[in-house]
């Protein structure tokens, strides 16, 4: 697996943060969920490194497993840096609807550890389907179904959540975020765990 921290991972975080910004600016709901797909669409078009895309294509190399985990971790770091950059722009824009952000953050605060992991798994599975459809079939249909699907179902995306947490200066959500990262990883790999081909 030749991935790690690079400008591509920062760019991916920026793009997903942009999608989160759009979602917050239009007040969420169905419109926000559909428009959020712009973020993942841009990521696959640019071919940049997004955690929920790389986690599903990770090659399990028994002789280098810790190095591979470290490289995947560097993708997350780059994604979060990108989210941090755009969160500052979004916060200064005056376009974010505070009530929409409050609803999103409240759902994270009220979730138990198992709920957070489960919702991360649901999102990870849908993201893997969307990215697989693009990678293997050249189709964006999965993106325009899976992205609104995970948002409207109330699933958690670790990089989108990083943006939401960073745009709200009073929020401290490290443990729930890490649980979402874990859930996303499991969800992105369900296909391989259950039916490898």
C-alpha atoms as a PDB file:
ATOM      1  CA  UNK A   1       0.000   0.000   0.000  1.00  0.00           C
ATOM      2  CA  UNK A   2       1.768   3.120  -1.176  1.00  0.00           C
ATOM      3  CA  UNK A   3      -0.152   5.763   0.690  1.00  0.00           C
ATOM      4  CA  UNK A   4       0.777   8.190   3.401  1.00  0.00           C
ATOM      5  CA  UNK A   5       0.704  11.851   4.235  1.00  0.00           C
ATOM      6  CA  UNK A   6       0.856  13.970   1.145  1.00  0.00           C
ATOM      7  CA  UNK A   7      -0.832  16.983  -0.379  1.00  0.00           C
ATOM      8  CA  UNK A   8      -3.426  14.611  -1.825  1.00  0.00           C
ATOM      9  CA  UNK A   9      -4.591  13.619   1.644  1.00  0.00           C
ATOM     10  CA  UNK A  10      -4.750  17.269   2.741  1.00  0.00           C
ATOM     11  CA  UNK A  11      -6.708  18.068  -0.417  1.00  0.00           C
ATOM     12  CA  UNK A  12      -9.158  15.224   0.276  1.00  0.00           C
ATOM     13  CA  UNK A  13      -9.788  16.538   3.771  1.00  0.00           C
ATOM     14  CA  UNK A  14     -10.329  19.991   2.316  1.00  0.00           C
ATOM     15  CA  UNK A  15     -12.860  18.621  -0.202  1.00  0.00           C
ATOM     16  CA  UNK A  16     -14.814  16.661   2.416  1.00  0.00           C
ATOM     17  CA  UNK A  17     -14.739  19.742   4.636  1.00  0.00           C
ATOM     18  CA  UNK A  18     -16.142  21.740   1.726  1.00  0.00           C
ATOM     19  CA  UNK A  19     -18.972  19.212   1.458  1.00  0.00           C
ATOM     20  CA  UNK A  20     -19.636  19.580   5.180  1.00  0.00           C
ATOM     21  CA  UNK A  21     -19.627  23.363   4.821  1.00  0.00           C
ATOM     22  CA  UNK A  22     -22.204  23.145   2.026  1.00  0.00           C
ATOM     23  CA  UNK A  23     -24.330  20.804   4.150  1.00  0.00           C
ATOM     24  CA  UNK A  24     -24.270  23.231   7.084  1.00  0.00           C
ATOM     25  CA  UNK A  25     -24.921  26.259   4.875  1.00  0.00           C
ATOM     26  CA  UNK A  26     -28.061  24.850   3.232  1.00  0.00           C
ATOM     27  CA  UNK A  27     -29.436  23.630   6.568  1.00  0.00           C
ATOM     28  CA  UNK A  28     -28.826  19.891   6.131  1.00  0.00           C
ATOM     29  CA  UNK A  29     -31.803  17.734   5.213  1.00  0.00           C
ATOM     30  CA  UNK A  30     -32.181  16.043   1.859  1.00  0.00           C
ATOM     31  CA  UNK A  31     -30.642  18.954  -0.055  1.00  0.00           C
ATOM     32  CA  UNK A  32     -27.557  19.002   2.178  1.00  0.00           C
ATOM     33  CA  UNK A  33     -27.206  15.223   1.924  1.00  0.00           C
ATOM     34  CA  UNK A  34     -27.367  15.270  -1.877  1.00  0.00           C
ATOM     35  CA  UNK A  35     -24.972  18.207  -2.221  1.00  0.00           C
ATOM     36  CA  UNK A  36     -22.511  16.570   0.181  1.00  0.00           C
ATOM     37  CA  UNK A  37     -21.796  14.107  -2.631  1.00  0.00           C
ATOM     38  CA  UNK A  38     -19.794  16.904  -4.300  1.00  0.00           C
ATOM     39  CA  UNK A  39     -17.009  16.191  -1.814  1.00  0.00           C
ATOM     40  CA  UNK A  40     -16.559  12.495  -2.577  1.00  0.00           C
ATOM     41  CA  UNK A  41     -17.083  13.098  -6.290  1.00  0.00           C
ATOM     42  CA  UNK A  42     -14.211  15.588  -6.285  1.00  0.00           C
ATOM     43  CA  UNK A  43     -12.006  13.184  -4.292  1.00  0.00           C
ATOM     44  CA  UNK A  44     -12.422  10.361  -6.820  1.00  0.00           C
ATOM     45  CA  UNK A  45     -12.007  12.712  -9.775  1.00  0.00           C
ATOM     46  CA  UNK A  46      -8.736  14.081  -8.366  1.00  0.00           C
ATOM     47  CA  UNK A  47      -7.628  10.620  -7.215  1.00  0.00           C
ATOM     48  CA  UNK A  48      -6.565  12.057  -3.867  1.00  0.00           C
ATOM     49  CA  UNK A  49      -6.157  10.110  -0.610  1.00  0.00           C
ATOM     50  CA  UNK A  50      -9.228   9.917   1.617  1.00  0.00           C
ATOM     51  CA  UNK A  51      -9.188   7.668   4.685  1.00  0.00           C
ATOM     52  CA  UNK A  52     -12.500   5.966   3.902  1.00  0.00           C
ATOM     53  CA  UNK A  53     -11.305   5.280   0.365  1.00  0.00           C
ATOM     54  CA  UNK A  54      -7.863   3.975   1.326  1.00  0.00           C
ATOM     55  CA  UNK A  55      -9.084   1.858   4.268  1.00  0.00           C
ATOM     56  CA  UNK A  56     -11.186  -0.271   1.921  1.00  0.00           C
ATOM     57  CA  UNK A  57      -8.359  -0.843  -0.557  1.00  0.00           C
ATOM     58  CA  UNK A  58      -5.744  -1.566   2.085  1.00  0.00           C
ATOM     59  CA  UNK A  59      -3.544  -4.564   1.309  1.00  0.00           C
ATOM     60  CA  UNK A  60      -3.057  -6.727   4.384  1.00  0.00           C
ATOM     61  CA  UNK A  61       0.687  -7.394   4.239  1.00  0.00           C
ATOM     62  CA  UNK A  62       1.544  -9.585   7.234  1.00  0.00           C
ATOM     63  CA  UNK A  63       5.223  -8.639   6.978  1.00  0.00           C
ATOM     64  CA  UNK A  64       4.554  -4.874   7.067  1.00  0.00           C
ATOM     65  CA  UNK A  65       1.237  -4.528   8.882  1.00  0.00           C
ATOM     66  CA  UNK A  66       2.395  -1.844  11.316  1.00  0.00           C
ATOM     67  CA  UNK A  67       3.999   0.184   8.545  1.00  0.00           C
ATOM     68  CA  UNK A  68       0.777  -0.021   6.543  1.00  0.00           C
ATOM     69  CA  UNK A  69      -1.284   1.040   9.562  1.00  0.00           C
ATOM     70  CA  UNK A  70       1.129   3.934  10.052  1.00  0.00           C
ATOM     71  CA  UNK A  71       0.711   5.015   6.434  1.00  0.00           C
ATOM     72  CA  UNK A  72      -3.057   4.836   6.736  1.00  0.00           C
ATOM     73  CA  UNK A  73      -2.755   6.925   9.898  1.00  0.00           C
ATOM     74  CA  UNK A  74      -0.795   9.539   7.944  1.00  0.00           C
ATOM     75  CA  UNK A  75      -3.652   9.736   5.440  1.00  0.00           C
ATOM     76  CA  UNK A  76      -5.980  10.567   8.350  1.00  0.00           C
ATOM     77  CA  UNK A  77      -3.561  13.237   9.601  1.00  0.00           C
ATOM     78  CA  UNK A  78      -3.491  14.835   6.148  1.00  0.00           C
ATOM     79  CA  UNK A  79      -7.290  14.641   5.914  1.00  0.00           C
ATOM     80  CA  UNK A  80      -7.663  16.365   9.297  1.00  0.00           C
ATOM     81  CA  UNK A  81      -5.219  19.104   8.285  1.00  0.00           C
ATOM     82  CA  UNK A  82      -7.347  19.734   5.202  1.00  0.00           C
ATOM     83  CA  UNK A  83     -10.470  19.860   7.378  1.00  0.00           C
ATOM     84  CA  UNK A  84      -8.751  22.294   9.725  1.00  0.00           C
ATOM     85  CA  UNK A  85      -7.886  24.657   6.875  1.00  0.00           C
ATOM     86  CA  UNK A  86     -11.397  24.769   5.424  1.00  0.00           C
ATOM     87  CA  UNK A  87     -13.066  24.830   8.854  1.00  0.00           C
ATOM     88  CA  UNK A  88     -11.415  28.196   9.513  1.00  0.00           C
ATOM     89  CA  UNK A  89     -12.633  29.570   6.191  1.00  0.00           C
ATOM     90  CA  UNK A  90     -16.137  28.191   6.792  1.00  0.00           C
ATOM     91  CA  UNK A  91     -16.291  29.589  10.330  1.00  0.00           C
ATOM     92  CA  UNK A  92     -15.379  33.046   9.017  1.00  0.00           C
ATOM     93  CA  UNK A  93     -17.890  32.898   6.163  1.00  0.00           C
ATOM     94  CA  UNK A  94     -21.022  33.600   8.178  1.00  0.00           C
ATOM     95  CA  UNK A  95     -22.943  31.051   6.095  1.00  0.00           C
ATOM     96  CA  UNK A  96     -23.059  28.160   8.565  1.00  0.00           C
ATOM     97  CA  UNK A  97     -26.456  27.535  10.126  1.00  0.00           C
ATOM     98  CA  UNK A  98     -25.682  27.069  13.826  1.00  0.00           C
ATOM     99  CA  UNK A  99     -28.804  24.977  14.442  1.00  0.00           C
ATOM    100  CA  UNK A 100     -27.768  22.443  11.786  1.00  0.00           C
ATOM    101  CA  UNK A 101     -24.303  22.116  13.307  1.00  0.00           C
ATOM    102  CA  UNK A 102     -25.851  21.802  16.774  1.00  0.00           C
ATOM    103  CA  UNK A 103     -28.060  18.907  15.663  1.00  0.00           C
ATOM    104  CA  UNK A 104     -25.061  17.073  14.183  1.00  0.00           C
ATOM    105  CA  UNK A 105     -22.863  17.593  17.248  1.00  0.00           C
ATOM    106  CA  UNK A 106     -25.679  16.701  19.664  1.00  0.00           C
ATOM    107  CA  UNK A 107     -26.186  13.352  17.948  1.00  0.00           C
ATOM    108  CA  UNK A 108     -22.479  12.588  18.448  1.00  0.00           C
ATOM    109  CA  UNK A 109     -22.578  13.646  22.101  1.00  0.00           C
ATOM    110  CA  UNK A 110     -25.587  11.466  22.895  1.00  0.00           C
ATOM    111  CA  UNK A 111     -24.274   8.328  21.155  1.00  0.00           C
ATOM    112  CA  UNK A 112     -22.859   5.456  23.183  1.00  0.00           C
ATOM    113  CA  UNK A 113     -19.541   3.902  22.182  1.00  0.00           C
ATOM    114  CA  UNK A 114     -21.273   0.968  20.490  1.00  0.00           C
ATOM    115  CA  UNK A 115     -23.717   3.250  18.682  1.00  0.00           C
ATOM    116  CA  UNK A 116     -20.847   5.387  17.413  1.00  0.00           C
ATOM    117  CA  UNK A 117     -18.922   2.357  16.143  1.00  0.00           C
ATOM    118  CA  UNK A 118     -22.055   0.887  14.531  1.00  0.00           C
ATOM    119  CA  UNK A 119     -22.869   4.147  12.755  1.00  0.00           C
ATOM    120  CA  UNK A 120     -19.256   4.364  11.615  1.00  0.00           C
ATOM    121  CA  UNK A 121     -19.513   0.828  10.223  1.00  0.00           C
ATOM    122  CA  UNK A 122     -22.646   1.723   8.259  1.00  0.00           C
ATOM    123  CA  UNK A 123     -20.943   4.748   6.730  1.00  0.00           C
ATOM    124  CA  UNK A 124     -17.726   2.887   5.975  1.00  0.00           C
ATOM    125  CA  UNK A 125     -19.630   0.162   4.151  1.00  0.00           C
ATOM    126  CA  UNK A 126     -21.497   2.679   2.004  1.00  0.00           C
ATOM    127  CA  UNK A 127     -18.298   4.600   1.241  1.00  0.00           C
ATOM    128  CA  UNK A 128     -16.560   1.405   0.152  1.00  0.00           C
ATOM    129  CA  UNK A 129     -19.476   0.601  -2.170  1.00  0.00           C
ATOM    130  CA  UNK A 130     -19.334   4.089  -3.670  1.00  0.00           C
ATOM    131  CA  UNK A 131     -15.564   4.096  -4.179  1.00  0.00           C
ATOM    132  CA  UNK A 132     -15.563   0.497  -5.480  1.00  0.00           C
ATOM    133  CA  UNK A 133     -18.220   1.449  -8.032  1.00  0.00           C
ATOM    134  CA  UNK A 134     -16.044   4.291  -9.270  1.00  0.00           C
ATOM    135  CA  UNK A 135     -12.787   2.314  -9.209  1.00  0.00           C
ATOM    136  CA  UNK A 136     -14.093  -0.880 -10.790  1.00  0.00           C
ATOM    137  CA  UNK A 137     -17.021   0.312 -12.919  1.00  0.00           C
ATOM    138  CA  UNK A 138     -16.221   3.948 -13.617  1.00  0.00           C
ATOM    139  CA  UNK A 139     -19.661   4.894 -12.281  1.00  0.00           C
ATOM    140  CA  UNK A 140     -20.549   7.817 -10.022  1.00  0.00           C
ATOM    141  CA  UNK A 141     -24.034   6.421  -9.342  1.00  0.00           C
ATOM    142  CA  UNK A 142     -22.861   4.822  -6.100  1.00  0.00           C
ATOM    143  CA  UNK A 143     -21.552   8.168  -4.900  1.00  0.00           C
ATOM    144  CA  UNK A 144     -24.878   9.914  -5.493  1.00  0.00           C
ATOM    145  CA  UNK A 145     -26.736   7.126  -3.671  1.00  0.00           C
ATOM    146  CA  UNK A 146     -24.320   6.181  -0.886  1.00  0.00           C
ATOM    147  CA  UNK A 147     -23.415   9.688   0.278  1.00  0.00           C
ATOM    148  CA  UNK A 148     -26.998  10.925   0.803  1.00  0.00           C
ATOM    149  CA  UNK A 149     -27.764   7.447   2.167  1.00  0.00           C
ATOM    150  CA  UNK A 150     -25.215   7.625   4.969  1.00  0.00           C
ATOM    151  CA  UNK A 151     -26.177  11.165   5.929  1.00  0.00           C
ATOM    152  CA  UNK A 152     -29.938  10.599   5.940  1.00  0.00           C
ATOM    153  CA  UNK A 153     -29.493   7.309   7.832  1.00  0.00           C
ATOM    154  CA  UNK A 154     -27.556   9.140  10.557  1.00  0.00           C
ATOM    155  CA  UNK A 155     -24.275   7.283   9.979  1.00  0.00           C
ATOM    156  CA  UNK A 156     -20.935   8.851  10.942  1.00  0.00           C
ATOM    157  CA  UNK A 157     -18.068   9.686   8.569  1.00  0.00           C
ATOM    158  CA  UNK A 158     -14.795  10.280  10.427  1.00  0.00           C
ATOM    159  CA  UNK A 159     -13.416  12.947   8.095  1.00  0.00           C
ATOM    160  CA  UNK A 160     -16.720  14.824   7.782  1.00  0.00           C
ATOM    161  CA  UNK A 161     -16.990  14.684  11.570  1.00  0.00           C
ATOM    162  CA  UNK A 162     -13.453  16.070  11.887  1.00  0.00           C
ATOM    163  CA  UNK A 163     -14.663  19.112   9.937  1.00  0.00           C
ATOM    164  CA  UNK A 164     -17.799  19.482  12.091  1.00  0.00           C
ATOM    165  CA  UNK A 165     -15.759  19.265  15.306  1.00  0.00           C
ATOM    166  CA  UNK A 166     -13.128  21.722  14.070  1.00  0.00           C
ATOM    167  CA  UNK A 167     -15.643  24.307  12.855  1.00  0.00           C
ATOM    168  CA  UNK A 168     -17.154  24.398  16.349  1.00  0.00           C
ATOM    169  CA  UNK A 169     -14.482  25.858  18.671  1.00  0.00           C
ATOM    170  CA  UNK A 170     -16.168  24.619  21.856  1.00  0.00           C
ATOM    171  CA  UNK A 171     -16.346  20.990  20.783  1.00  0.00           C
ATOM    172  CA  UNK A 172     -14.048  18.300  22.190  1.00  0.00           C
ATOM    173  CA  UNK A 173     -14.916  14.953  20.682  1.00  0.00           C
ATOM    174  CA  UNK A 174     -11.656  13.004  20.446  1.00  0.00           C
ATOM    175  CA  UNK A 175     -12.950   9.657  21.795  1.00  0.00           C
ATOM    176  CA  UNK A 176     -16.161   9.591  19.703  1.00  0.00           C
ATOM    177  CA  UNK A 177     -14.118  10.599  16.669  1.00  0.00           C
ATOM    178  CA  UNK A 178     -11.609   7.773  17.213  1.00  0.00           C
ATOM    179  CA  UNK A 179     -14.500   5.313  17.595  1.00  0.00           C
ATOM    180  CA  UNK A 180     -15.899   6.574  14.290  1.00  0.00           C
ATOM    181  CA  UNK A 181     -12.474   6.074  12.670  1.00  0.00           C
ATOM    182  CA  UNK A 182     -12.541   2.467  13.915  1.00  0.00           C
ATOM    183  CA  UNK A 183     -16.123   1.940  12.757  1.00  0.00           C
ATOM    184  CA  UNK A 184     -15.322   3.342   9.317  1.00  0.00           C
ATOM    185  CA  UNK A 185     -12.367   0.977   9.004  1.00  0.00           C
ATOM    186  CA  UNK A 186     -14.508  -2.045   9.857  1.00  0.00           C
ATOM    187  CA  UNK A 187     -17.263  -0.926   7.484  1.00  0.00           C
ATOM    188  CA  UNK A 188     -14.839  -0.275   4.633  1.00  0.00           C
ATOM    189  CA  UNK A 189     -13.571  -3.836   4.979  1.00  0.00           C
ATOM    190  CA  UNK A 190     -16.840  -5.739   5.489  1.00  0.00           C
ATOM    191  CA  UNK A 191     -16.747  -6.946   1.905  1.00  0.00           C
ATOM    192  CA  UNK A 192     -13.358  -8.524   2.453  1.00  0.00           C
ATOM    193  CA  UNK A 193     -14.240  -9.908   5.883  1.00  0.00           C
ATOM    194  CA  UNK A 194     -17.448 -11.558   4.687  1.00  0.00           C
ATOM    195  CA  UNK A 195     -16.969 -12.305   0.988  1.00  0.00           C
ATOM    196  CA  UNK A 196     -13.449 -11.761  -0.316  1.00  0.00           C
ATOM    197  CA  UNK A 197     -13.018 -11.792  -4.069  1.00  0.00           C
END
